Amino acid sequence: MPNYDERAYRVTRSKEGPSLAEQKSQLARLKQDLEQFKSRQAAGAILGSLQERIRDLEASVARIENARTLDREARQSGEGGGNSPVRATSSRFPPRGTPGRSS
């Protein structure tokens, strides 16, 4: 395989798998390749496998974006829902004591 092919389809070696940005960039590159192959009238086997890989990546990206949206909604509903006795303070200053209490 020529070096430019190795750089075009990089594989990440992280345990979680490729990040969302990496998957989106790979998806864009595969779509460009598909258009090039279609314009060159390539064999059906090449187009079929490329389209299958594109569908897999689109499903994976959609799954990750959906999970992020649900997580964001859960955090927003959790923040406004209850009265928390702990007040958030700046990380520069220690939390204040309860008023009326003397040590």
Protein backbone atom coordinates (compact mmCIF):
# COMPACT_ATOMS: atom_id res chain seq x y z
CA MET A 1 0.00 0.00 0.00
CA PRO A 2 1.48 3.39 -0.90
CA ASN A 3 2.21 5.85 1.90
CA TYR A 4 -0.52 8.29 0.88
CA ASP A 5 -3.13 5.55 1.37
CA GLU A 6 -1.86 4.89 4.87
CA ARG A 7 -2.21 8.55 5.80
CA ALA A 8 -5.64 8.89 4.23
CA TYR A 9 -7.27 6.24 6.43
CA ARG A 10 -5.61 6.59 9.81
CA VAL A 11 -6.71 4.26 12.54
CA THR A 12 -6.63 5.48 16.12
CA ARG A 13 -5.26 3.24 18.78
CA SER A 14 -7.30 4.44 21.75
CA LYS A 15 -9.38 2.04 23.81
CA GLU A 16 -12.58 4.07 23.39
CA GLY A 17 -12.29 4.07 19.64
CA PRO A 18 -12.07 7.04 17.32
CA SER A 19 -13.43 10.35 18.54
CA LEU A 20 -16.45 12.03 17.02
CA ALA A 21 -14.29 14.53 15.13
CA GLU A 22 -12.16 11.74 13.67
CA GLN A 23 -15.24 9.83 12.59
CA LYS A 24 -16.75 12.90 10.94
CA SER A 25 -13.55 13.66 9.04
CA GLN A 26 -13.26 10.05 7.91
CA LEU A 27 -16.90 10.11 6.81
CA ALA A 28 -16.31 13.24 4.75
CA ARG A 29 -13.25 11.68 3.14
CA LEU A 30 -15.12 8.47 2.31
CA LYS A 31 -17.95 10.46 0.72
CA GLN A 32 -15.43 12.31 -1.43
CA ASP A 33 -13.86 9.00 -2.44
CA LEU A 34 -17.28 7.59 -3.31
CA GLU A 35 -17.97 10.53 -5.62
CA GLN A 36 -14.60 10.06 -7.30
CA PHE A 37 -15.22 6.34 -7.83
CA LYS A 38 -18.68 7.05 -9.23
CA SER A 39 -17.28 9.58 -11.67
CA ARG A 40 -14.67 7.05 -12.81
CA GLN A 41 -17.36 4.36 -13.13
CA ALA A 42 -15.56 1.94 -10.81
CA ALA A 43 -16.61 -1.66 -10.19
CA GLY A 44 -19.76 -2.32 -8.19
CA ALA A 45 -17.90 -4.24 -5.48
CA ILE A 46 -15.81 -1.20 -4.63
CA LEU A 47 -18.82 1.10 -4.54
CA GLY A 48 -20.84 -1.36 -2.47
CA SER A 49 -18.19 -1.81 0.21
CA LEU A 50 -17.54 1.92 0.35
CA GLN A 51 -21.26 2.69 0.72
CA GLU A 52 -21.54 0.08 3.47
CA ARG A 53 -18.65 1.66 5.37
CA ILE A 54 -20.25 5.09 4.96
CA ARG A 55 -23.56 3.80 6.37
CA ASP A 56 -21.73 2.27 9.35
CA LEU A 57 -19.91 5.52 10.08
CA GLU A 58 -23.09 7.58 9.73
CA ALA A 59 -24.86 5.29 12.20
CA SER A 60 -21.95 5.53 14.63
CA VAL A 61 -21.83 9.34 14.41
CA ALA A 62 -25.60 9.56 14.89
CA ARG A 63 -25.41 7.25 17.92
CA ILE A 64 -22.68 9.36 19.55
CA GLU A 65 -24.48 12.64 18.86
CA ASN A 66 -27.73 11.22 20.24
CA ALA A 67 -25.97 10.05 23.41
CA ARG A 68 -24.42 13.50 23.85
CA THR A 69 -27.80 15.19 23.39
CA LEU A 70 -29.45 12.90 25.95
CA ASP A 71 -26.60 13.47 28.40
CA ARG A 72 -26.83 17.24 27.95
CA GLU A 73 -30.60 17.17 28.51
CA ALA A 74 -30.19 15.03 31.62
CA ARG A 75 -27.65 17.46 33.07
CA GLN A 76 -29.90 20.45 32.33
CA SER A 77 -32.94 18.83 33.92
CA GLY A 78 -30.88 17.82 36.94
CA GLU A 79 -29.55 21.32 37.53
CA GLY A 80 -32.85 23.17 37.59
CA GLY A 81 -34.91 20.50 39.33
CA GLY A 82 -33.93 20.55 42.99
CA ASN A 83 -32.85 22.88 45.75
CA SER A 84 -29.34 21.97 46.58
CA PRO A 85 -28.07 23.04 50.02
CA VAL A 86 -24.52 23.28 48.69
CA ARG A 87 -23.76 26.49 46.90
CA ALA A 88 -21.17 26.62 44.18
CA THR A 89 -18.26 28.91 44.86
CA SER A 90 -15.25 29.89 42.89
CA SER A 91 -12.40 27.40 43.04
CA ARG A 92 -10.11 30.22 44.23
CA PHE A 93 -11.95 30.68 47.50
CA PRO A 94 -12.93 28.09 50.10
CA PRO A 95 -16.65 27.60 50.74
CA ARG A 96 -18.16 29.87 53.36
CA GLY A 97 -19.46 28.54 56.58
CA THR A 98 -23.12 28.51 57.49
CA PRO A 99 -24.24 31.95 58.82
CA GLY A 100 -25.01 32.07 62.53
CA ARG A 101 -22.60 29.34 63.47
CA SER A 102 -19.62 30.24 65.56
CA SER A 103 -16.58 28.04 65.98
